[in-house]
Amino acid sequence: MKFFSFILILGLLMGPQLYAQDAPSTREIGLRASDLNSFGLIYKKQISENTYRRYRLAFGNLGVNFIRSNTLVGFSAGGAMGKEKRRPISDKMQFIYGTELIASVNLNYTSAGSITVDNGNGGTTSYTGSDLLIVTPSVGIGFVLGAQYNFNPKWYISAELIPSITGSGSFGAGSALYSFQAGFNSSSAGITGAYRF
């Protein structure tokens, strides 16, 4: 838990320094999809020539289920912030690369029953009890690699991969489960359509 707190504090301390630069006013907003069921918002602000600060709201879900006398509640949210650089390939095509700090949190609650948590390594861990709350924060770094095609000065489409290294922990029911993951899967690949203003 101290590791997650350290990363969060480091990001908050570095944030104002990263934004204090005198920057052009170009901004971009778009929709990113990693499959037909997974969409997120992306916002980019130019901080120098061919360099952008990027923010992704990767996901947010809330689910409530009632099964007999049991109530199951699940909440998850995550996002990323980072820096992106662009290198021209042709008049309309650019190579994009950079890094992101990725963070997420999952909360699961059951009034009487069991909760199964993905341990991030291809397996699951189950917790059983009443009034059971499991909190799973995660933090990591992602590496952005992709290409962008500019239709005109206002619209573009990009395709990117974001392989990542993350650490997470699940806390509750008097126990803790820690995990570490590295690599990428289909959710790390995405297509973005964006508007520049």
Protein backbone atom coordinates (compact mmCIF):
# COMPACT_ATOMS: atom_id res chain seq x y z
CA MET A 1 0.00 0.00 0.00
CA LYS A 2 2.93 2.33 0.69
CA PHE A 3 4.11 1.80 -2.91
CA PHE A 4 0.74 2.94 -4.31
CA SER A 5 0.74 6.00 -2.02
CA PHE A 6 4.29 6.88 -3.11
CA ILE A 7 3.36 6.73 -6.83
CA LEU A 8 0.23 8.84 -6.27
CA ILE A 9 2.13 11.50 -4.28
CA LEU A 10 4.93 11.56 -6.88
CA GLY A 11 2.39 12.15 -9.65
CA LEU A 12 0.70 14.96 -7.73
CA LEU A 13 4.02 16.67 -6.98
CA MET A 14 5.30 16.40 -10.55
CA GLY A 15 2.00 17.46 -12.15
CA PRO A 16 2.28 21.24 -11.63
CA GLN A 17 5.86 21.28 -12.97
CA LEU A 18 4.82 19.40 -16.10
CA TYR A 19 2.05 21.89 -16.88
CA ALA A 20 3.95 25.10 -16.10
CA GLN A 21 5.48 25.28 -19.57
CA ASP A 22 4.45 28.01 -21.99
CA ALA A 23 2.44 25.95 -24.48
CA PRO A 24 0.50 26.38 -27.72
CA SER A 25 -3.27 26.24 -27.39
CA THR A 26 -3.92 23.14 -29.55
CA ARG A 27 -6.22 20.65 -27.83
CA GLU A 28 -7.72 17.35 -28.96
CA ILE A 29 -10.64 15.31 -27.68
CA GLY A 30 -11.71 11.91 -28.89
CA LEU A 31 -13.21 8.51 -28.32
CA ARG A 32 -10.95 5.46 -27.93
CA ALA A 33 -12.19 1.91 -28.46
CA SER A 34 -10.30 -1.28 -27.68
CA ASP A 35 -13.22 -3.49 -28.77
CA LEU A 36 -16.95 -3.09 -29.40
CA ASN A 37 -17.67 -3.25 -25.64
CA SER A 38 -14.84 -1.08 -24.33
CA PHE A 39 -14.81 2.67 -24.95
CA GLY A 40 -13.04 5.54 -23.23
CA LEU A 41 -12.48 9.26 -23.58
CA ILE A 42 -9.13 10.78 -24.42
CA TYR A 43 -8.02 14.42 -24.12
CA LYS A 44 -4.69 15.81 -25.34
CA LYS A 45 -3.10 19.23 -24.96
CA GLN A 46 -0.06 20.36 -26.93
CA ILE A 47 2.83 21.38 -24.66
CA SER A 48 5.44 21.96 -27.38
CA GLU A 49 5.93 21.15 -31.06
CA ASN A 50 4.95 17.47 -31.65
CA THR A 51 4.63 16.88 -27.88
CA TYR A 52 1.30 16.41 -26.09
CA ARG A 53 0.06 15.78 -22.56
CA ARG A 54 -2.58 13.01 -22.74
CA TYR A 55 -5.37 11.97 -20.36
CA ARG A 56 -7.46 8.83 -20.75
CA LEU A 57 -10.61 7.97 -18.85
CA ALA A 58 -10.21 4.29 -19.54
CA PHE A 59 -13.32 2.90 -17.87
CA GLY A 60 -15.96 3.32 -15.21
CA ASN A 61 -18.55 0.71 -14.23
CA LEU A 62 -21.16 0.31 -11.50
CA GLY A 63 -23.23 -2.83 -11.07
CA VAL A 64 -25.74 -3.87 -8.41
CA ASN A 65 -27.25 -7.37 -8.31
CA PHE A 66 -29.87 -8.80 -5.94
CA ILE A 67 -29.87 -12.59 -5.54
CA ARG A 68 -32.31 -13.86 -2.90
CA SER A 69 -31.11 -12.28 0.37
CA ASN A 70 -27.70 -11.31 -1.06
CA THR A 71 -26.73 -7.96 -2.54
CA LEU A 72 -23.68 -7.76 -4.81
CA VAL A 73 -22.19 -4.36 -5.65
CA GLY A 74 -19.27 -3.79 -8.01
CA PHE A 75 -17.61 -0.49 -8.90
CA SER A 76 -14.53 0.13 -11.01
CA ALA A 77 -12.84 3.20 -12.44
CA GLY A 78 -9.52 3.82 -14.09
CA GLY A 79 -7.57 6.23 -16.17
CA ALA A 80 -4.15 7.31 -17.34
CA MET A 81 -2.10 10.43 -17.87
CA GLY A 82 1.12 10.76 -19.79
CA LYS A 83 3.19 12.35 -22.48
CA GLU A 84 3.02 11.64 -26.21
CA LYS A 85 5.50 12.57 -28.95
CA ARG A 86 4.85 12.54 -32.68
CA ARG A 87 7.26 12.05 -35.59
CA PRO A 88 6.19 12.64 -39.23
CA ILE A 89 6.15 9.61 -41.54
CA SER A 90 4.47 11.41 -44.47
CA ASP A 91 2.37 14.55 -45.03
CA LYS A 92 -0.65 13.03 -43.26
CA MET A 93 0.83 10.17 -41.20
CA GLN A 94 2.70 10.39 -37.89
CA PHE A 95 4.40 7.83 -35.63
CA ILE A 96 3.33 8.31 -31.98
CA TYR A 97 5.12 7.13 -28.86
CA GLY A 98 5.27 7.97 -25.17
CA THR A 99 4.53 6.83 -21.64
CA GLU A 100 1.52 6.88 -19.33
CA LEU A 101 0.95 6.52 -15.60
CA ILE A 102 -2.05 4.18 -15.29
CA ALA A 103 -4.21 3.84 -12.17
CA SER A 104 -7.45 2.04 -11.34
CA VAL A 105 -9.55 0.92 -8.40
CA ASN A 106 -12.13 -1.85 -8.08
CA LEU A 107 -14.57 -2.16 -5.17
CA ASN A 108 -16.65 -5.30 -4.63
CA TYR A 109 -19.19 -5.80 -1.85
CA THR A 110 -21.45 -8.70 -0.87
CA SER A 111 -23.93 -8.72 1.99
CA ALA A 112 -23.77 -12.52 2.32
CA GLY A 113 -21.95 -14.73 -0.15
CA SER A 114 -18.69 -14.81 -2.04
CA ILE A 115 -16.65 -12.46 -4.21
CA THR A 116 -14.25 -13.69 -6.88
CA VAL A 117 -11.36 -11.35 -7.73
CA ASP A 118 -9.13 -11.65 -10.81
CA ASN A 119 -5.56 -11.96 -9.52
CA GLY A 120 -4.13 -10.61 -12.78
CA ASN A 121 -2.11 -13.74 -13.52
CA GLY A 122 -4.79 -15.73 -15.33
CA GLY A 123 -6.39 -16.97 -12.11
CA THR A 124 -8.92 -15.88 -9.52
CA THR A 125 -9.20 -15.71 -5.75
CA SER A 126 -12.53 -16.15 -3.94
CA TYR A 127 -13.53 -14.56 -0.64
CA THR A 128 -16.56 -15.71 1.38
CA GLY A 129 -18.36 -13.91 4.21
CA SER A 130 -21.06 -11.45 5.15
CA ASP A 131 -20.77 -7.68 4.70
CA LEU A 132 -17.59 -8.34 2.76
CA LEU A 133 -15.80 -5.44 0.99
CA ILE A 134 -12.78 -6.10 -1.25
CA VAL A 135 -10.79 -3.08 -2.50
CA THR A 136 -8.33 -3.59 -5.36
CA PRO A 137 -6.17 -0.58 -6.33
CA SER A 138 -3.60 -0.87 -9.11
CA VAL A 139 -0.94 1.39 -10.55
CA GLY A 140 1.45 0.99 -13.45
CA ILE A 141 3.25 2.47 -16.39
CA GLY A 142 2.23 2.04 -20.03
CA PHE A 143 4.30 2.49 -23.17
CA VAL A 144 2.41 4.10 -26.07
CA LEU A 145 3.31 2.98 -29.62
CA GLY A 146 1.19 3.73 -32.67
CA ALA A 147 0.41 5.69 -35.81
CA GLN A 148 -1.88 8.62 -36.53
CA TYR A 149 -3.53 9.58 -39.82
CA ASN A 150 -4.63 13.23 -40.17
CA PHE A 151 -7.66 13.55 -42.47
CA ASN A 152 -7.51 17.35 -42.27
CA PRO A 153 -6.39 19.98 -39.72
CA LYS A 154 -9.41 19.20 -37.47
CA TRP A 155 -9.89 15.38 -37.57
CA TYR A 156 -7.63 12.36 -37.23
CA ILE A 157 -7.69 8.66 -36.47
CA SER A 158 -4.96 6.76 -34.64
CA ALA A 159 -4.16 3.15 -33.77
CA GLU A 160 -1.96 2.37 -30.77
CA LEU A 161 -0.69 -0.36 -28.49
CA ILE A 162 -0.08 0.32 -24.81
CA PRO A 163 1.88 -2.56 -23.26
CA SER A 164 2.15 -1.99 -19.52
CA ILE A 165 3.72 -3.03 -16.24
CA THR A 166 1.32 -2.88 -13.28
CA GLY A 167 1.17 -3.80 -9.63
CA SER A 168 -2.03 -4.31 -7.67
CA GLY A 169 -3.33 -5.49 -4.34
CA SER A 170 -6.68 -6.84 -3.14
CA PHE A 171 -7.53 -5.98 0.45
CA GLY A 172 -10.40 -7.22 2.61
CA ALA A 173 -11.66 -10.13 4.69
CA GLY A 174 -8.55 -9.86 6.86
CA SER A 175 -6.19 -10.73 4.01
CA ALA A 176 -4.20 -9.14 1.21
CA LEU A 177 -3.31 -10.46 -2.24
CA TYR A 178 -0.55 -8.71 -4.21
CA SER A 179 0.11 -9.20 -7.91
CA PHE A 180 2.46 -7.92 -10.60
CA GLN A 181 1.79 -8.06 -14.34
CA ALA A 182 3.80 -7.16 -17.42
CA GLY A 183 2.89 -7.44 -21.09
CA PHE A 184 -0.08 -6.55 -23.24
CA ASN A 185 -3.36 -8.08 -24.37
CA SER A 186 -6.21 -7.13 -26.69
CA SER A 187 -7.42 -4.38 -24.33
CA SER A 188 -4.04 -2.63 -24.72
CA ALA A 189 -4.71 -2.11 -28.44
CA GLY A 190 -7.02 0.73 -29.38
CA ILE A 191 -8.33 2.94 -32.16
CA THR A 192 -9.04 6.61 -31.51
CA GLY A 193 -11.03 9.11 -33.52
CA ALA A 194 -10.37 12.69 -32.38
CA TYR A 195 -11.25 16.31 -33.05
CA ARG A 196 -8.60 19.04 -32.82
CA PHE A 197 -9.50 22.56 -31.64
